[in-house]
Protein backbone atom coordinates (compact mmCIF):
# COMPACT_ATOMS: atom_id res chain seq x y z
CA MET A 1 78.59 89.90 100.77
CA GLN A 2 75.97 87.58 102.98
CA LEU A 3 73.16 88.58 100.80
CA ASP A 4 75.10 87.34 97.60
CA GLN A 5 75.89 84.13 99.59
CA ALA A 6 72.15 83.65 99.89
CA LEU A 7 71.22 83.83 96.35
CA LEU A 8 73.86 81.39 95.69
CA GLU A 9 72.68 78.82 98.55
CA ASN A 10 69.58 79.40 98.72
CA LYS A 11 67.22 81.18 96.22
CA ASN A 12 65.62 79.98 92.97
CA GLY A 13 65.75 81.89 89.74
CA ALA A 14 68.12 84.86 88.47
CA PHE A 15 69.16 87.52 90.66
CA LEU A 16 71.08 90.82 89.68
CA GLU A 17 72.51 92.92 92.93
CA PHE A 18 74.19 95.96 92.65
CA HIS A 19 76.58 96.74 95.77
CA ARG A 20 76.78 100.37 97.73
CA TRP A 21 79.43 100.73 100.10
CA GLU A 22 79.02 102.49 103.33
CA LYS A 23 82.71 103.57 103.65
CA PRO A 24 85.89 102.63 101.65
CA SER A 25 85.98 98.67 101.90
CA PHE A 26 87.74 95.65 100.82
CA THR A 27 86.09 92.06 100.01
CA HIS A 28 88.49 89.09 99.31
CA GLY A 29 87.93 85.87 98.10
CA PHE A 30 86.68 82.68 99.83
CA PHE A 31 90.14 80.85 100.17
CA ILE A 32 92.11 83.80 101.42
CA ASP A 33 92.70 84.50 105.08
CA PRO A 34 92.52 88.02 105.70
CA LEU A 35 94.47 87.92 108.56
CA ASP A 36 97.61 87.56 106.14
CA GLU A 37 96.55 90.42 104.25
CA PHE A 38 95.48 93.33 105.91
CA ILE A 39 95.73 95.73 108.91
CA PHE A 40 92.37 96.26 110.34
CA SER A 41 90.97 99.46 110.95
CA GLU A 42 87.48 101.24 111.91
CA LYS A 43 88.19 103.33 108.69
CA ILE A 44 87.48 100.51 106.64
CA ASP A 45 85.75 97.53 106.20
CA ILE A 46 86.39 93.79 105.24
CA ALA A 47 84.40 91.24 103.94
CA LYS A 48 84.58 87.63 102.27
CA ARG A 49 82.87 87.14 98.99
CA ALA A 50 81.59 83.81 98.58
CA THR A 51 83.48 83.59 95.45
CA GLY A 52 86.89 82.87 94.76
CA GLY A 53 89.79 85.09 93.32
CA GLY A 54 91.68 87.83 94.73
CA ILE A 55 91.15 90.87 96.72
CA LEU A 56 89.26 94.11 95.67
CA TYR A 57 89.23 97.61 97.15
CA HIS A 58 85.37 99.30 96.36
CA GLY A 59 84.59 102.86 97.14
CA LYS A 60 85.73 104.18 93.93
CA ASP A 61 84.31 101.46 91.75
CA LEU A 62 80.51 99.74 90.41
CA SER A 63 80.27 96.18 91.59
CA PHE A 64 77.58 93.55 91.41
CA ALA A 65 76.70 90.17 91.88
CA LEU A 66 75.02 88.19 89.25
CA CYS A 67 73.55 84.83 90.38
CA LEU A 68 72.13 82.40 87.73
CA PRO A 69 70.62 78.78 87.77
CA ASP A 70 72.29 76.42 85.23
CA SER A 71 69.37 76.29 83.16
CA HIS A 72 69.43 80.10 82.44
CA PRO A 73 70.05 81.34 78.72
CA LEU A 74 73.49 83.06 79.90
CA CYS A 75 75.06 79.90 81.73
CA GLU A 76 77.83 77.75 80.28
CA SER A 77 78.37 74.20 81.61
CA ASP A 78 82.12 75.28 81.33
CA THR A 79 83.35 77.30 84.07
CA MET A 80 85.98 79.08 81.76
CA LYS A 81 83.35 79.13 79.06
CA LEU A 82 80.74 81.17 81.26
CA TYR A 83 83.73 83.49 82.89
CA GLU A 84 84.40 84.66 79.24
CA LYS A 85 80.97 84.99 78.24
CA LEU A 86 80.30 87.05 81.02
CA ASN A 87 83.15 89.41 80.89
CA GLN A 88 82.50 89.88 77.20
CA LEU A 89 79.19 90.68 78.38
CA ILE A 90 80.25 92.96 80.49
CA GLY A 91 82.69 94.54 78.16
CA ARG A 92 79.82 95.37 75.50
CA ALA A 93 78.23 97.67 78.57
CA ILE A 94 81.30 99.38 79.60
CA LEU A 95 82.00 100.03 75.92
CA ASP A 96 78.36 102.26 76.13
CA VAL A 97 79.57 104.50 78.40
CA HIS A 98 83.27 104.48 77.89
CA ASP A 99 85.23 104.66 74.55
CA CYS A 100 88.07 102.64 74.64
CA LYS A 101 89.91 99.73 73.31
CA ILE A 102 89.30 96.35 75.39
CA SER A 103 91.44 93.26 74.71
CA SER A 104 91.04 89.82 76.44
CA GLU A 105 94.18 88.30 78.51
CA PRO A 106 94.21 84.90 76.77
CA GLU A 107 96.57 83.11 78.97
CA LYS A 108 97.92 83.86 82.76
CA GLU A 109 96.48 82.11 85.33
CA PHE A 110 95.35 83.79 89.08
CA SER A 111 98.14 83.02 91.60
CA PHE A 112 97.60 83.52 95.60
CA GLN A 113 101.03 84.77 95.85
CA ASP A 114 100.00 87.56 94.27
CA PRO A 115 96.46 87.84 95.73
CA PHE A 116 94.95 91.58 94.66
CA CYS A 117 92.92 91.03 92.13
CA MET A 118 93.82 94.26 89.98
CA THR A 119 97.59 93.53 90.34
CA LYS A 120 97.55 91.72 86.98
CA ALA A 121 95.33 90.08 84.13
CA THR A 122 94.72 86.49 84.26
CA LYS A 123 92.66 84.35 81.50
CA PHE A 124 89.87 85.81 79.74
CA ASP A 125 90.12 89.04 81.85
CA LEU A 126 89.20 92.47 80.02
CA THR A 127 92.09 94.76 79.88
CA VAL A 128 92.80 98.46 78.06
CA PHE A 129 96.01 99.52 77.64
CA ASP A 130 97.21 96.09 79.07
CA LYS A 131 95.71 97.16 82.26
CA LYS A 132 92.74 95.42 83.76
CA VAL A 133 89.29 97.26 83.43
CA LEU A 134 87.59 94.60 85.68
CA GLY A 135 87.78 92.04 88.63
CA CYS A 136 85.77 89.23 88.44
CA ALA A 137 85.34 85.54 90.25
CA ILE A 138 82.68 82.68 89.68
CA ARG A 139 81.65 80.36 92.12
CA ARG A 140 79.23 77.10 91.28
CA LYS A 141 77.48 75.08 93.49
CA GLY A 142 74.07 73.18 93.50
CA GLY A 143 72.99 73.91 90.16
CA ARG A 144 73.71 77.59 90.36
CA SER A 145 76.80 80.01 89.51
CA LEU A 146 77.49 83.32 91.27
CA TYR A 147 79.59 86.03 89.47
CA HIS A 148 80.93 88.86 91.21
CA CYS A 149 82.63 91.94 89.10
CA SER A 150 84.13 94.95 90.12
CA ILE A 151 84.89 97.64 87.72
CA PRO A 152 86.81 100.76 88.40
CA LEU A 153 85.43 104.27 87.92
CA GLN A 154 88.06 106.58 89.59
CA MET A 155 91.79 105.67 90.65
CA PRO A 156 92.39 105.18 94.29
CA VAL A 157 95.05 106.99 95.50
CA ALA A 158 97.95 105.28 97.37
CA ASP A 159 96.87 107.00 101.17
CA GLU A 160 93.51 105.00 100.62
CA LEU A 161 95.38 101.46 99.76
CA THR A 162 98.76 101.46 101.97
CA PRO A 163 97.53 101.82 105.60
CA PHE A 164 95.56 99.26 105.30
CA LEU A 165 97.16 96.19 103.32
CA GLN A 166 100.58 94.32 105.16
CA ARG A 167 102.42 93.91 101.74
CA GLY A 168 102.80 97.63 101.53
CA ASP A 169 103.91 100.19 99.21
CA ALA A 170 105.28 97.50 96.64
CA LEU A 171 101.78 96.00 96.61
CA VAL A 172 100.14 99.33 96.12
CA GLU A 173 102.43 100.46 93.43
CA LYS A 174 101.44 97.47 91.29
CA ILE A 175 98.01 97.84 91.83
CA LEU A 176 97.89 101.47 90.49
CA LYS A 177 100.16 100.29 87.87
CA ASN A 178 98.08 97.90 86.39
CA THR A 179 94.35 99.16 87.07
CA TYR A 180 92.64 100.99 84.66
CA ALA A 181 89.71 103.31 85.55
CA ILE A 182 86.76 103.98 83.05
CA ASP A 183 85.86 107.36 84.91
CA SER A 184 81.81 106.89 84.11
CA ASP A 185 78.88 107.82 86.49
CA TRP A 186 77.87 104.90 88.29
CA ASN A 187 74.10 105.15 87.45
CA GLN A 188 74.22 104.88 83.80
CA LEU A 189 76.83 102.11 83.93
CA ARG A 190 74.36 100.03 85.77
CA GLU A 191 71.95 100.97 83.65
CA ARG A 192 73.65 99.87 80.51
CA ILE A 193 74.88 96.48 82.81
CA GLN A 194 71.58 95.74 83.57
CA GLU A 195 69.84 96.17 79.97
CA HIS A 196 72.90 94.01 78.90
CA VAL A 197 71.96 91.37 81.17
CA THR A 198 68.41 91.60 80.86
CA LYS A 199 68.31 91.39 76.87
CA ASN A 200 70.36 88.07 76.93
CA GLY A 201 68.57 86.14 79.35
């Protein structure tokens, strides 16, 4: 996460960085206080993302950071248009490895009253059977945009989440109810994302 922050603040050019996790982990948006949400343990890692948005669980997902200058062909001056454009791009990469019917959520806004990213779809999120197929956030600074994305590959089980979240069983039930895992190989999906990003800019 510190590397992603550095890409946003200190680097020129475009970068696509894929994340790997040494153990089950949570990341949280820039504006979330981890003391309000987590039960800390040596069994997990918790890190702050440079982007906004909510809480994400990592360990059974593919996650990455895409950092672009405003002059890049993939960039848009309007943040919501950029969000929609990049989500649709990643959606096409998902369809390369997982045959599903992806829809776009047109209405709901993110709320810090419900801060776990995968509990509900918000504006321009991608869904399958009304369940979220990815969690994303964008931050813009100094003529650059940082896009974080997490795509569930396998579903977590309740025992992997409940011991570490202060909101407990009710939140975990909502996460599991509203998350769609694409059951894809990490390397195969990474290659398709990299190809789509490269091809489009």
